[in-house]
Amino acid sequence: MGPIDYRPLFQELDMAESEARHVLAAAEGSWQRLVDIRRTLAVLAIPRELAVFAVGSLGRFESSAASDLDFAVVYAAATLDVHAADAARHELAGQLRARGHEVLDKTFRAPVELGALLGDIGGEGDTNLHLTYRALLLTEGAWLANAAAAEQVTDAIFAAYAQGAISRGRYLSSLQNDLHRYYRTICVDYRFKVESAGKRWAIRYFKLRHARKLWHLANLALFCQAARLPDDERDLHLATELPRPPLLRISTSLRALGALPLCADLLRAYDAFLAALAEPELRRGLDRIDYAARLEDPLFQRLSASADRFDLAAQAIVQHLWVRCNEHLVRYGLL
């Protein structure tokens, strides 16, 4: 995927760039950051079989200078030893930290074997970690090193759903369900992190009300629109659109469904969220919000108002999906 330019969409919506300047800046800054990281990694001795991806805000083209770097490493046991993959991942993390990138050893702290992601989808051996990799690599996985290997990984993950002889469903319902499952998993994961693990709650709360919700809405809209396509065109359309940023997935779907203007309010509301996350002091301010006193906190009030505006914009889009695609939305999105 190349650089993301929202200007043509702004023109279609008759929006001034100033109305969503942080959306534009995040996309441009993310692309430059991807280019810089790719140049850095290109001179390293990385095994060519190792697929390296950016996920998170960078993979969605929504990052800022204050964003940390989530990168995922995937390898195939048939072509690379686990110890070599682990050593390469350790070297990559060290090189990126040395160049000023904040790499946190969280969800993606170790390489994952491709066969483990594909071998037991929905079964007892499937894990939240494997679900996370599949969902994010398909929807926000931008390659950082070894583009060919990265493409092979995402193609294999998509094929694991699309080539199911019984479970795939006419509308690729197995993939839809796994994406729904991931969204609900991160909603519950929020509870664990703030209640049991003692993590800072405010930034996670507002990410749930903005970025996570946008991601889920983009998937709903895309699959509703794809259900109206001829059967022989649907898989290619989904494979092409899923990696694009959520705002573009939504705009493409709504354009096809005759409701592109509904994107304007969504963009404006989301811009306010990105504006807050782009300011380091505001991010630190979120960490300082006391939960018991949150309703009196000006920063909490500001982002709550943004989240409420986002909800209203999302509700208008869902209402349109209900009118145009209610059968698909009920069967595959709700029930």
C-alpha atoms as a PDB file:
ATOM      1  CA  MET A   1       0.000   0.000   0.000  1.00  0.00           C
ATOM      2  CA  GLY A   2       1.299   3.428  -0.937  1.00  0.00           C
ATOM      3  CA  PRO A   3       0.739   6.838   0.685  1.00  0.00           C
ATOM      4  CA  ILE A   4      -2.778   7.717   1.813  1.00  0.00           C
ATOM      5  CA  ASP A   5      -4.214  11.019   0.610  1.00  0.00           C
ATOM      6  CA  TYR A   6      -7.573  12.073   2.020  1.00  0.00           C
ATOM      7  CA  ARG A   7      -7.782  15.258  -0.062  1.00  0.00           C
ATOM      8  CA  PRO A   8      -9.880  13.745  -2.879  1.00  0.00           C
ATOM      9  CA  LEU A   9     -12.352  12.519  -0.245  1.00  0.00           C
ATOM     10  CA  PHE A  10     -12.463  15.965   1.363  1.00  0.00           C
ATOM     11  CA  GLN A  11     -13.262  17.437  -2.054  1.00  0.00           C
ATOM     12  CA  GLU A  12     -16.066  14.947  -2.621  1.00  0.00           C
ATOM     13  CA  LEU A  13     -17.509  15.849   0.775  1.00  0.00           C
ATOM     14  CA  ASP A  14     -17.055  19.582   0.184  1.00  0.00           C
ATOM     15  CA  MET A  15     -14.912  19.730   3.327  1.00  0.00           C
ATOM     16  CA  ALA A  16     -12.059  22.127   3.914  1.00  0.00           C
ATOM     17  CA  GLU A  17      -8.775  20.474   4.842  1.00  0.00           C
ATOM     18  CA  SER A  18      -8.828  22.422   8.100  1.00  0.00           C
ATOM     19  CA  GLU A  19     -11.908  20.470   9.219  1.00  0.00           C
ATOM     20  CA  ALA A  20      -9.905  17.257   9.425  1.00  0.00           C
ATOM     21  CA  ARG A  21      -6.309  18.440   9.338  1.00  0.00           C
ATOM     22  CA  HIS A  22      -5.201  15.939  11.971  1.00  0.00           C
ATOM     23  CA  VAL A  23      -6.557  13.039   9.903  1.00  0.00           C
ATOM     24  CA  LEU A  24      -4.519  14.359   6.994  1.00  0.00           C
ATOM     25  CA  ALA A  25      -1.403  14.956   9.099  1.00  0.00           C
ATOM     26  CA  ALA A  26      -1.606  11.496  10.664  1.00  0.00           C
ATOM     27  CA  ALA A  27      -1.803   9.838   7.249  1.00  0.00           C
ATOM     28  CA  GLU A  28       1.118  11.831   5.869  1.00  0.00           C
ATOM     29  CA  GLY A  29       3.222  11.392   8.996  1.00  0.00           C
ATOM     30  CA  SER A  30       2.506   7.670   9.105  1.00  0.00           C
ATOM     31  CA  TRP A  31       3.609   7.210   5.520  1.00  0.00           C
ATOM     32  CA  GLN A  32       6.861   9.074   6.152  1.00  0.00           C
ATOM     33  CA  ARG A  33       7.476   6.997   9.252  1.00  0.00           C
ATOM     34  CA  LEU A  34       6.848   3.777   7.309  1.00  0.00           C
ATOM     35  CA  VAL A  35       9.304   4.883   4.613  1.00  0.00           C
ATOM     36  CA  ASP A  36      11.935   5.758   7.217  1.00  0.00           C
ATOM     37  CA  ILE A  37      11.576   2.418   9.006  1.00  0.00           C
ATOM     38  CA  ARG A  38      11.690   0.474   5.747  1.00  0.00           C
ATOM     39  CA  ARG A  39      14.932   2.226   4.822  1.00  0.00           C
ATOM     40  CA  THR A  40      16.378   1.461   8.243  1.00  0.00           C
ATOM     41  CA  LEU A  41      15.496  -2.220   8.074  1.00  0.00           C
ATOM     42  CA  ALA A  42      16.515  -2.637   4.435  1.00  0.00           C
ATOM     43  CA  VAL A  43      20.220  -2.488   5.333  1.00  0.00           C
ATOM     44  CA  LEU A  44      19.955  -5.078   8.109  1.00  0.00           C
ATOM     45  CA  ALA A  45      20.640  -8.763   7.631  1.00  0.00           C
ATOM     46  CA  ILE A  46      17.041  -9.873   8.156  1.00  0.00           C
ATOM     47  CA  PRO A  47      16.190 -13.395   6.974  1.00  0.00           C
ATOM     48  CA  ARG A  48      14.148 -12.886   3.816  1.00  0.00           C
ATOM     49  CA  GLU A  49      11.603 -15.464   4.995  1.00  0.00           C
ATOM     50  CA  LEU A  50      10.712 -13.282   7.996  1.00  0.00           C
ATOM     51  CA  ALA A  51       7.606 -11.114   7.507  1.00  0.00           C
ATOM     52  CA  VAL A  52       7.696  -7.872   9.513  1.00  0.00           C
ATOM     53  CA  PHE A  53       4.589  -5.709   9.869  1.00  0.00           C
ATOM     54  CA  ALA A  54       3.544  -2.451  11.482  1.00  0.00           C
ATOM     55  CA  VAL A  55       0.171  -2.734  13.202  1.00  0.00           C
ATOM     56  CA  GLY A  56      -1.726  -0.386  15.488  1.00  0.00           C
ATOM     57  CA  SER A  57      -2.004   3.305  14.670  1.00  0.00           C
ATOM     58  CA  LEU A  58       0.917   3.201  12.219  1.00  0.00           C
ATOM     59  CA  GLY A  59      -0.665   0.356  10.267  1.00  0.00           C
ATOM     60  CA  ARG A  60      -3.926   2.329  10.146  1.00  0.00           C
ATOM     61  CA  PHE A  61      -2.110   5.507   9.012  1.00  0.00           C
ATOM     62  CA  GLU A  62      -3.305   7.258  12.183  1.00  0.00           C
ATOM     63  CA  SER A  63      -0.051   7.628  14.114  1.00  0.00           C
ATOM     64  CA  SER A  64       1.654  10.747  15.407  1.00  0.00           C
ATOM     65  CA  ALA A  65       5.074  11.552  16.826  1.00  0.00           C
ATOM     66  CA  ALA A  66       3.685  10.569  20.244  1.00  0.00           C
ATOM     67  CA  SER A  67       2.644   7.069  19.106  1.00  0.00           C
ATOM     68  CA  ASP A  68       4.602   3.997  20.080  1.00  0.00           C
ATOM     69  CA  LEU A  69       5.459   1.344  17.509  1.00  0.00           C
ATOM     70  CA  ASP A  70       3.692  -2.000  17.411  1.00  0.00           C
ATOM     71  CA  PHE A  71       5.420  -4.339  15.020  1.00  0.00           C
ATOM     72  CA  ALA A  72       4.589  -7.980  14.434  1.00  0.00           C
ATOM     73  CA  VAL A  73       6.936 -10.695  13.166  1.00  0.00           C
ATOM     74  CA  VAL A  74       5.629 -13.847  11.483  1.00  0.00           C
ATOM     75  CA  TYR A  75       7.629 -16.789  10.147  1.00  0.00           C
ATOM     76  CA  ALA A  76       6.908 -20.204   8.646  1.00  0.00           C
ATOM     77  CA  ALA A  77       8.487 -23.168  10.421  1.00  0.00           C
ATOM     78  CA  ALA A  78       9.181 -24.827   7.077  1.00  0.00           C
ATOM     79  CA  THR A  79      11.552 -22.044   6.050  1.00  0.00           C
ATOM     80  CA  LEU A  80      12.931 -20.563   9.281  1.00  0.00           C
ATOM     81  CA  ASP A  81      13.951 -21.848  12.695  1.00  0.00           C
ATOM     82  CA  VAL A  82      12.174 -20.367  15.732  1.00  0.00           C
ATOM     83  CA  HIS A  83      15.466 -19.403  17.339  1.00  0.00           C
ATOM     84  CA  ALA A  84      16.560 -17.523  14.221  1.00  0.00           C
ATOM     85  CA  ALA A  85      13.194 -15.748  14.098  1.00  0.00           C
ATOM     86  CA  ASP A  86      13.456 -14.790  17.753  1.00  0.00           C
ATOM     87  CA  ALA A  87      17.009 -13.500  17.379  1.00  0.00           C
ATOM     88  CA  ALA A  88      16.011 -11.459  14.322  1.00  0.00           C
ATOM     89  CA  ARG A  89      13.055  -9.942  16.146  1.00  0.00           C
ATOM     90  CA  HIS A  90      15.298  -9.002  19.089  1.00  0.00           C
ATOM     91  CA  GLU A  91      17.769  -7.329  16.718  1.00  0.00           C
ATOM     92  CA  LEU A  92      14.978  -5.457  14.940  1.00  0.00           C
ATOM     93  CA  ALA A  93      13.589  -4.101  18.202  1.00  0.00           C
ATOM     94  CA  GLY A  94      17.038  -2.950  19.296  1.00  0.00           C
ATOM     95  CA  GLN A  95      17.750  -1.187  16.010  1.00  0.00           C
ATOM     96  CA  LEU A  96      14.387   0.582  16.031  1.00  0.00           C
ATOM     97  CA  ARG A  97      14.783   1.721  19.643  1.00  0.00           C
ATOM     98  CA  ALA A  98      18.261   3.032  18.835  1.00  0.00           C
ATOM     99  CA  ARG A  99      16.668   5.206  16.155  1.00  0.00           C
ATOM    100  CA  GLY A 100      14.150   6.744  18.518  1.00  0.00           C
ATOM    101  CA  HIS A 101      11.123   4.509  18.043  1.00  0.00           C
ATOM    102  CA  GLU A 102       9.279   3.549  21.206  1.00  0.00           C
ATOM    103  CA  VAL A 103       8.922  -0.219  20.896  1.00  0.00           C
ATOM    104  CA  LEU A 104       6.962  -1.754  23.759  1.00  0.00           C
ATOM    105  CA  ASP A 105       7.196  -5.490  24.366  1.00  0.00           C
ATOM    106  CA  LYS A 106       3.477  -6.108  24.736  1.00  0.00           C
ATOM    107  CA  THR A 107       1.214  -8.219  22.537  1.00  0.00           C
ATOM    108  CA  PHE A 108       3.732  -8.588  19.711  1.00  0.00           C
ATOM    109  CA  ARG A 109       6.819  -9.185  21.835  1.00  0.00           C
ATOM    110  CA  ALA A 110       7.750 -12.498  20.168  1.00  0.00           C
ATOM    111  CA  PRO A 111       7.614 -13.940  16.634  1.00  0.00           C
ATOM    112  CA  VAL A 112       4.595 -16.075  15.784  1.00  0.00           C
ATOM    113  CA  GLU A 113       4.640 -19.103  13.499  1.00  0.00           C
ATOM    114  CA  LEU A 114       2.259 -18.853  10.555  1.00  0.00           C
ATOM    115  CA  GLY A 115       0.956 -22.390  10.900  1.00  0.00           C
ATOM    116  CA  ALA A 116      -0.118 -21.662  14.477  1.00  0.00           C
ATOM    117  CA  LEU A 117      -2.265 -18.771  13.222  1.00  0.00           C
ATOM    118  CA  LEU A 118      -3.995 -20.936  10.633  1.00  0.00           C
ATOM    119  CA  GLY A 119      -4.162 -24.416  12.084  1.00  0.00           C
ATOM    120  CA  ASP A 120      -6.938 -24.250  14.656  1.00  0.00           C
ATOM    121  CA  ILE A 121      -9.151 -21.255  13.870  1.00  0.00           C
ATOM    122  CA  GLY A 122     -12.027 -21.338  16.327  1.00  0.00           C
ATOM    123  CA  GLY A 123     -10.775 -24.498  17.993  1.00  0.00           C
ATOM    124  CA  GLU A 124      -9.454 -25.262  21.458  1.00  0.00           C
ATOM    125  CA  GLY A 125      -5.921 -24.424  20.388  1.00  0.00           C
ATOM    126  CA  ASP A 126      -6.902 -21.007  19.090  1.00  0.00           C
ATOM    127  CA  THR A 127      -5.901 -18.136  21.371  1.00  0.00           C
ATOM    128  CA  ASN A 128      -6.640 -14.446  21.748  1.00  0.00           C
ATOM    129  CA  LEU A 129      -3.098 -13.806  20.556  1.00  0.00           C
ATOM    130  CA  HIS A 130      -3.636 -15.739  17.338  1.00  0.00           C
ATOM    131  CA  LEU A 131      -6.997 -14.042  16.790  1.00  0.00           C
ATOM    132  CA  THR A 132      -5.324 -10.667  17.285  1.00  0.00           C
ATOM    133  CA  TYR A 133      -2.646 -11.433  14.710  1.00  0.00           C
ATOM    134  CA  ARG A 134      -5.139 -12.623  12.097  1.00  0.00           C
ATOM    135  CA  ALA A 135      -7.507  -9.687  12.561  1.00  0.00           C
ATOM    136  CA  LEU A 136      -4.845  -6.988  12.614  1.00  0.00           C
ATOM    137  CA  LEU A 137      -2.601  -8.342   9.873  1.00  0.00           C
ATOM    138  CA  LEU A 138      -5.591  -8.440   7.525  1.00  0.00           C
ATOM    139  CA  THR A 139      -6.937  -4.998   8.407  1.00  0.00           C
ATOM    140  CA  GLU A 140      -3.959  -2.870   9.467  1.00  0.00           C
ATOM    141  CA  GLY A 141      -0.793  -4.797   8.691  1.00  0.00           C
ATOM    142  CA  ALA A 142       1.641  -2.590   6.736  1.00  0.00           C
ATOM    143  CA  TRP A 143       4.894  -4.324   5.822  1.00  0.00           C
ATOM    144  CA  LEU A 144       8.121  -3.014   7.334  1.00  0.00           C
ATOM    145  CA  ALA A 145      10.577  -5.558   5.950  1.00  0.00           C
ATOM    146  CA  ASN A 146      10.417  -8.329   3.349  1.00  0.00           C
ATOM    147  CA  ALA A 147       7.343  -7.191   1.440  1.00  0.00           C
ATOM    148  CA  ALA A 148       7.053 -10.455  -0.488  1.00  0.00           C
ATOM    149  CA  ALA A 149       7.081 -12.543   2.687  1.00  0.00           C
ATOM    150  CA  ALA A 150       4.521 -10.196   4.279  1.00  0.00           C
ATOM    151  CA  GLU A 151       2.216 -10.561   1.284  1.00  0.00           C
ATOM    152  CA  GLN A 152       2.479 -14.341   1.473  1.00  0.00           C
ATOM    153  CA  VAL A 153       1.450 -14.215   5.136  1.00  0.00           C
ATOM    154  CA  THR A 154      -1.624 -12.036   4.592  1.00  0.00           C
ATOM    155  CA  ASP A 155      -2.617 -14.064   1.516  1.00  0.00           C
ATOM    156  CA  ALA A 156      -2.376 -17.267   3.564  1.00  0.00           C
ATOM    157  CA  ILE A 157      -4.504 -15.820   6.373  1.00  0.00           C
ATOM    158  CA  PHE A 158      -7.197 -14.624   3.966  1.00  0.00           C
ATOM    159  CA  ALA A 159      -7.127 -17.975   2.167  1.00  0.00           C
ATOM    160  CA  ALA A 160      -7.632 -19.819   5.460  1.00  0.00           C
ATOM    161  CA  TYR A 161     -11.096 -18.263   5.578  1.00  0.00           C
ATOM    162  CA  ALA A 162     -11.881 -18.046   1.861  1.00  0.00           C
ATOM    163  CA  GLN A 163     -10.969 -21.641   1.022  1.00  0.00           C
ATOM    164  CA  GLY A 164     -13.091 -23.275   3.694  1.00  0.00           C
ATOM    165  CA  ALA A 165     -15.210 -25.904   1.974  1.00  0.00           C
ATOM    166  CA  ILE A 166     -18.090 -25.721   4.471  1.00  0.00           C
ATOM    167  CA  SER A 167     -17.515 -22.906   6.956  1.00  0.00           C
ATOM    168  CA  ARG A 168     -16.610 -19.967   4.737  1.00  0.00           C
ATOM    169  CA  GLY A 169     -20.195 -19.039   3.833  1.00  0.00           C
ATOM    170  CA  ARG A 170     -21.354 -17.241   0.734  1.00  0.00           C
ATOM    171  CA  TYR A 171     -20.492 -13.847   2.244  1.00  0.00           C
ATOM    172  CA  LEU A 172     -17.246 -15.045   3.820  1.00  0.00           C
ATOM    173  CA  SER A 173     -19.068 -15.222   7.127  1.00  0.00           C
ATOM    174  CA  SER A 174     -16.236 -17.107   8.862  1.00  0.00           C
ATOM    175  CA  LEU A 175     -13.992 -14.062   8.416  1.00  0.00           C
ATOM    176  CA  GLN A 176     -16.761 -11.661   9.434  1.00  0.00           C
ATOM    177  CA  ASN A 177     -17.327 -13.633  12.611  1.00  0.00           C
ATOM    178  CA  ASP A 178     -13.642 -13.673  13.505  1.00  0.00           C
ATOM    179  CA  LEU A 179     -13.419  -9.898  13.068  1.00  0.00           C
ATOM    180  CA  HIS A 180     -16.513  -9.470  15.266  1.00  0.00           C
ATOM    181  CA  ARG A 181     -14.940 -11.833  17.772  1.00  0.00           C
ATOM    182  CA  TYR A 182     -11.758  -9.792  17.906  1.00  0.00           C
ATOM    183  CA  TYR A 183     -13.686  -6.552  18.457  1.00  0.00           C
ATOM    184  CA  ARG A 184     -15.604  -8.022  21.391  1.00  0.00           C
ATOM    185  CA  THR A 185     -12.381  -9.493  22.763  1.00  0.00           C
ATOM    186  CA  ILE A 186     -10.702  -6.084  22.971  1.00  0.00           C
ATOM    187  CA  CYS A 187     -13.816  -4.633  24.611  1.00  0.00           C
ATOM    188  CA  VAL A 188     -13.520  -7.234  27.381  1.00  0.00           C
ATOM    189  CA  ASP A 189      -9.736  -6.907  27.403  1.00  0.00           C
ATOM    190  CA  TYR A 190     -10.262  -3.296  28.508  1.00  0.00           C
ATOM    191  CA  ARG A 191     -11.988  -4.559  31.619  1.00  0.00           C
ATOM    192  CA  PHE A 192      -9.150  -6.912  32.469  1.00  0.00           C
ATOM    193  CA  LYS A 193      -6.451  -4.314  31.944  1.00  0.00           C
ATOM    194  CA  VAL A 194      -8.021  -1.579  34.056  1.00  0.00           C
ATOM    195  CA  GLU A 195      -9.683  -3.736  36.730  1.00  0.00           C
ATOM    196  CA  SER A 196      -7.205  -6.575  37.226  1.00  0.00           C
ATOM    197  CA  ALA A 197      -3.917  -5.461  35.669  1.00  0.00           C
ATOM    198  CA  GLY A 198      -4.039  -1.902  37.003  1.00  0.00           C
ATOM    199  CA  LYS A 199      -3.356  -0.283  33.620  1.00  0.00           C
ATOM    200  CA  ARG A 200      -4.112   3.366  32.947  1.00  0.00           C
ATOM    201  CA  TRP A 201      -7.735   3.555  31.948  1.00  0.00           C
ATOM    202  CA  ALA A 202      -8.491   6.879  30.264  1.00  0.00           C
ATOM    203  CA  ILE A 203      -6.563   6.527  27.017  1.00  0.00           C
ATOM    204  CA  ARG A 204      -7.848   2.962  26.627  1.00  0.00           C
ATOM    205  CA  TYR A 205     -11.403   4.149  27.242  1.00  0.00           C
ATOM    206  CA  PHE A 206     -11.241   6.822  24.559  1.00  0.00           C
ATOM    207  CA  LYS A 207      -9.509   4.494  22.106  1.00  0.00           C
ATOM    208  CA  LEU A 208     -12.441   2.121  22.566  1.00  0.00           C
ATOM    209  CA  ARG A 209     -14.899   4.934  21.889  1.00  0.00           C
ATOM    210  CA  HIS A 210     -13.051   6.152  18.800  1.00  0.00           C
ATOM    211  CA  ALA A 211     -10.408   3.987  17.099  1.00  0.00           C
ATOM    212  CA  ARG A 212     -11.740   0.555  18.034  1.00  0.00           C
ATOM    213  CA  LYS A 213     -15.312   1.521  17.228  1.00  0.00           C
ATOM    214  CA  LEU A 214     -14.241   3.021  13.896  1.00  0.00           C
ATOM    215  CA  TRP A 215     -12.403  -0.202  13.022  1.00  0.00           C
ATOM    216  CA  HIS A 216     -15.492  -2.289  13.765  1.00  0.00           C
ATOM    217  CA  LEU A 217     -17.821   0.069  11.896  1.00  0.00           C
ATOM    218  CA  ALA A 218     -15.527  -0.061   8.868  1.00  0.00           C
ATOM    219  CA  ASN A 219     -15.748  -3.854   8.817  1.00  0.00           C
ATOM    220  CA  LEU A 220     -19.537  -3.820   9.160  1.00  0.00           C
ATOM    221  CA  ALA A 221     -19.912  -1.326   6.333  1.00  0.00           C
ATOM    222  CA  LEU A 222     -17.487  -3.175   4.083  1.00  0.00           C
ATOM    223  CA  PHE A 223     -19.179  -6.553   4.468  1.00  0.00           C
ATOM    224  CA  CYS A 224     -22.639  -5.033   4.023  1.00  0.00           C
ATOM    225  CA  GLN A 225     -21.536  -3.433   0.778  1.00  0.00           C
ATOM    226  CA  ALA A 226     -19.668  -6.550  -0.367  1.00  0.00           C
ATOM    227  CA  ALA A 227     -22.809  -8.639   0.131  1.00  0.00           C
ATOM    228  CA  ARG A 228     -24.415  -6.700  -2.716  1.00  0.00           C
ATOM    229  CA  LEU A 229     -21.668  -7.636  -5.162  1.00  0.00           C
ATOM    230  CA  PRO A 230     -21.819 -10.664  -7.485  1.00  0.00           C
ATOM    231  CA  ASP A 231     -20.485 -13.786  -5.796  1.00  0.00           C
ATOM    232  CA  ASP A 232     -17.481 -14.026  -8.121  1.00  0.00           C
ATOM    233  CA  GLU A 233     -16.344 -10.462  -7.275  1.00  0.00           C
ATOM    234  CA  ARG A 234     -16.762 -10.479  -3.501  1.00  0.00           C
ATOM    235  CA  ASP A 235     -13.555 -12.165  -2.331  1.00  0.00           C
ATOM    236  CA  LEU A 236     -11.283  -9.943  -4.410  1.00  0.00           C
ATOM    237  CA  HIS A 237     -13.117  -6.838  -3.242  1.00  0.00           C
ATOM    238  CA  LEU A 238     -12.767  -7.817   0.413  1.00  0.00           C
ATOM    239  CA  ALA A 239      -9.102  -8.754   0.038  1.00  0.00           C
ATOM    240  CA  THR A 240      -8.431  -5.387  -1.630  1.00  0.00           C
ATOM    241  CA  GLU A 241     -10.390  -3.200   0.790  1.00  0.00           C
ATOM    242  CA  LEU A 242      -9.621  -4.822   4.155  1.00  0.00           C
ATOM    243  CA  PRO A 243      -6.020  -3.508   4.389  1.00  0.00           C
ATOM    244  CA  ARG A 244      -7.075   0.101   3.710  1.00  0.00           C
ATOM    245  CA  PRO A 245      -7.466   2.533   6.649  1.00  0.00           C
ATOM    246  CA  PRO A 246     -10.886   2.330   8.349  1.00  0.00           C
ATOM    247  CA  LEU A 247     -11.990   5.801   7.221  1.00  0.00           C
ATOM    248  CA  LEU A 248     -11.352   4.835   3.601  1.00  0.00           C
ATOM    249  CA  ARG A 249     -13.102   1.485   4.001  1.00  0.00           C
ATOM    250  CA  ILE A 250     -16.150   3.332   5.280  1.00  0.00           C
ATOM    251  CA  SER A 251     -16.081   5.968   2.553  1.00  0.00           C
ATOM    252  CA  THR A 252     -15.729   3.353  -0.199  1.00  0.00           C
ATOM    253  CA  SER A 253     -18.657   1.380   1.194  1.00  0.00           C
ATOM    254  CA  LEU A 254     -20.904   4.391   1.685  1.00  0.00           C
ATOM    255  CA  ARG A 255     -20.095   5.734  -1.759  1.00  0.00           C
ATOM    256  CA  ALA A 256     -21.292   2.444  -3.248  1.00  0.00           C
ATOM    257  CA  LEU A 257     -24.384   2.501  -1.012  1.00  0.00           C
ATOM    258  CA  GLY A 258     -25.339   6.069  -1.915  1.00  0.00           C
ATOM    259  CA  ALA A 259     -24.506   7.724   1.402  1.00  0.00           C
ATOM    260  CA  LEU A 260     -21.024   9.198   1.105  1.00  0.00           C
ATOM    261  CA  PRO A 261     -22.003  12.531   2.750  1.00  0.00           C
ATOM    262  CA  LEU A 262     -22.431  10.676   6.061  1.00  0.00           C
ATOM    263  CA  CYS A 263     -18.636  10.419   6.217  1.00  0.00           C
ATOM    264  CA  ALA A 264     -18.200  14.144   6.828  1.00  0.00           C
ATOM    265  CA  ASP A 265     -19.372  14.215  10.453  1.00  0.00           C
ATOM    266  CA  LEU A 266     -17.454  11.033  11.173  1.00  0.00           C
ATOM    267  CA  LEU A 267     -14.253  12.620   9.868  1.00  0.00           C
ATOM    268  CA  ARG A 268     -14.770  15.769  11.925  1.00  0.00           C
ATOM    269  CA  ALA A 269     -15.384  13.836  15.129  1.00  0.00           C
ATOM    270  CA  TYR A 270     -12.461  11.498  14.561  1.00  0.00           C
ATOM    271  CA  ASP A 271     -10.198  14.426  13.826  1.00  0.00           C
ATOM    272  CA  ALA A 272     -10.773  15.746  17.346  1.00  0.00           C
ATOM    273  CA  PHE A 273      -9.649  12.412  18.781  1.00  0.00           C
ATOM    274  CA  LEU A 274      -6.483  12.317  16.661  1.00  0.00           C
ATOM    275  CA  ALA A 275      -5.764  15.925  17.621  1.00  0.00           C
ATOM    276  CA  ALA A 276      -5.724  14.995  21.301  1.00  0.00           C
ATOM    277  CA  LEU A 277      -3.530  11.927  20.824  1.00  0.00           C
ATOM    278  CA  ALA A 278      -1.034  13.914  18.754  1.00  0.00           C
ATOM    279  CA  GLU A 279      -0.243  16.227  21.687  1.00  0.00           C
ATOM    280  CA  PRO A 280       2.173  14.590  24.160  1.00  0.00           C
ATOM    281  CA  GLU A 281       0.997  16.755  27.047  1.00  0.00           C
ATOM    282  CA  LEU A 282      -2.627  15.778  26.470  1.00  0.00           C
ATOM    283  CA  ARG A 283      -1.678  12.095  26.355  1.00  0.00           C
ATOM    284  CA  ARG A 284       0.091  12.544  29.669  1.00  0.00           C
ATOM    285  CA  GLY A 285      -2.951  14.433  30.928  1.00  0.00           C
ATOM    286  CA  LEU A 286      -5.125  11.401  30.181  1.00  0.00           C
ATOM    287  CA  ASP A 287      -2.888   9.297  32.392  1.00  0.00           C
ATOM    288  CA  ARG A 288      -3.428  11.743  35.247  1.00  0.00           C
ATOM    289  CA  ILE A 289      -7.241  11.728  35.167  1.00  0.00           C
ATOM    290  CA  ASP A 290      -8.676  10.324  38.372  1.00  0.00           C
ATOM    291  CA  TYR A 291     -11.574   8.039  37.568  1.00  0.00           C
ATOM    292  CA  ALA A 292     -13.702   9.193  40.500  1.00  0.00           C
ATOM    293  CA  ALA A 293     -13.284  12.847  39.476  1.00  0.00           C
ATOM    294  CA  ARG A 294     -13.417  12.322  35.719  1.00  0.00           C
ATOM    295  CA  LEU A 295     -16.699  14.167  35.108  1.00  0.00           C
ATOM    296  CA  GLU A 296     -15.168  17.404  36.385  1.00  0.00           C
ATOM    297  CA  ASP A 297     -11.947  17.041  34.397  1.00  0.00           C
ATOM    298  CA  PRO A 298     -11.799  19.423  31.355  1.00  0.00           C
ATOM    299  CA  LEU A 299      -9.809  16.969  29.230  1.00  0.00           C
ATOM    300  CA  PHE A 300     -12.234  14.155  29.974  1.00  0.00           C
ATOM    301  CA  GLN A 301     -15.131  16.472  29.106  1.00  0.00           C
ATOM    302  CA  ARG A 302     -13.463  17.452  25.828  1.00  0.00           C
ATOM    303  CA  LEU A 303     -12.865  13.895  24.665  1.00  0.00           C
ATOM    304  CA  SER A 304     -16.246  12.720  25.917  1.00  0.00           C
ATOM    305  CA  ALA A 305     -17.870  15.377  23.745  1.00  0.00           C
ATOM    306  CA  SER A 306     -15.800  14.145  20.800  1.00  0.00           C
ATOM    307  CA  ALA A 307     -16.865  10.561  21.491  1.00  0.00           C
ATOM    308  CA  ASP A 308     -20.508  11.618  21.664  1.00  0.00           C
ATOM    309  CA  ARG A 309     -20.211  13.368  18.293  1.00  0.00           C
ATOM    310  CA  PHE A 310     -18.539  10.278  16.906  1.00  0.00           C
ATOM    311  CA  ASP A 311     -21.411   8.129  18.192  1.00  0.00           C
ATOM    312  CA  LEU A 312     -23.978  10.336  16.478  1.00  0.00           C
ATOM    313  CA  ALA A 313     -22.092  10.159  13.184  1.00  0.00           C
ATOM    314  CA  ALA A 314     -21.739   6.375  13.515  1.00  0.00           C
ATOM    315  CA  GLN A 315     -25.432   6.009  14.330  1.00  0.00           C
ATOM    316  CA  ALA A 316     -26.364   7.807  11.110  1.00  0.00           C
ATOM    317  CA  ILE A 317     -24.180   5.402   9.130  1.00  0.00           C
ATOM    318  CA  VAL A 318     -25.637   2.343  10.856  1.00  0.00           C
ATOM    319  CA  GLN A 319     -29.140   3.630  10.189  1.00  0.00           C
ATOM    320  CA  HIS A 320     -28.304   3.837   6.497  1.00  0.00           C
ATOM    321  CA  LEU A 321     -26.836   0.331   6.536  1.00  0.00           C
ATOM    322  CA  TRP A 322     -30.040  -0.829   8.163  1.00  0.00           C
ATOM    323  CA  VAL A 323     -32.121   0.686   5.361  1.00  0.00           C
ATOM    324  CA  ARG A 324     -29.961  -0.582   2.509  1.00  0.00           C
ATOM    325  CA  CYS A 325     -28.607  -3.865   3.892  1.00  0.00           C
ATOM    326  CA  ASN A 326     -30.859  -4.833   6.791  1.00  0.00           C
ATOM    327  CA  GLU A 327     -31.015  -8.555   5.981  1.00  0.00           C
ATOM    328  CA  HIS A 328     -27.238  -8.890   5.893  1.00  0.00           C
ATOM    329  CA  LEU A 329     -26.759  -6.647   8.917  1.00  0.00           C
ATOM    330  CA  VAL A 330     -29.150  -8.715  11.027  1.00  0.00           C
ATOM    331  CA  ARG A 331     -27.901 -12.136  10.002  1.00  0.00           C
ATOM    332  CA  TYR A 332     -24.174 -11.429   9.888  1.00  0.00           C
ATOM    333  CA  GLY A 333     -23.696  -8.322  12.027  1.00  0.00           C
ATOM    334  CA  LEU A 334     -26.202  -8.683  14.839  1.00  0.00           C
ATOM    335  CA  LEU A 335     -27.483 -12.223  15.054  1.00  0.00           C
END
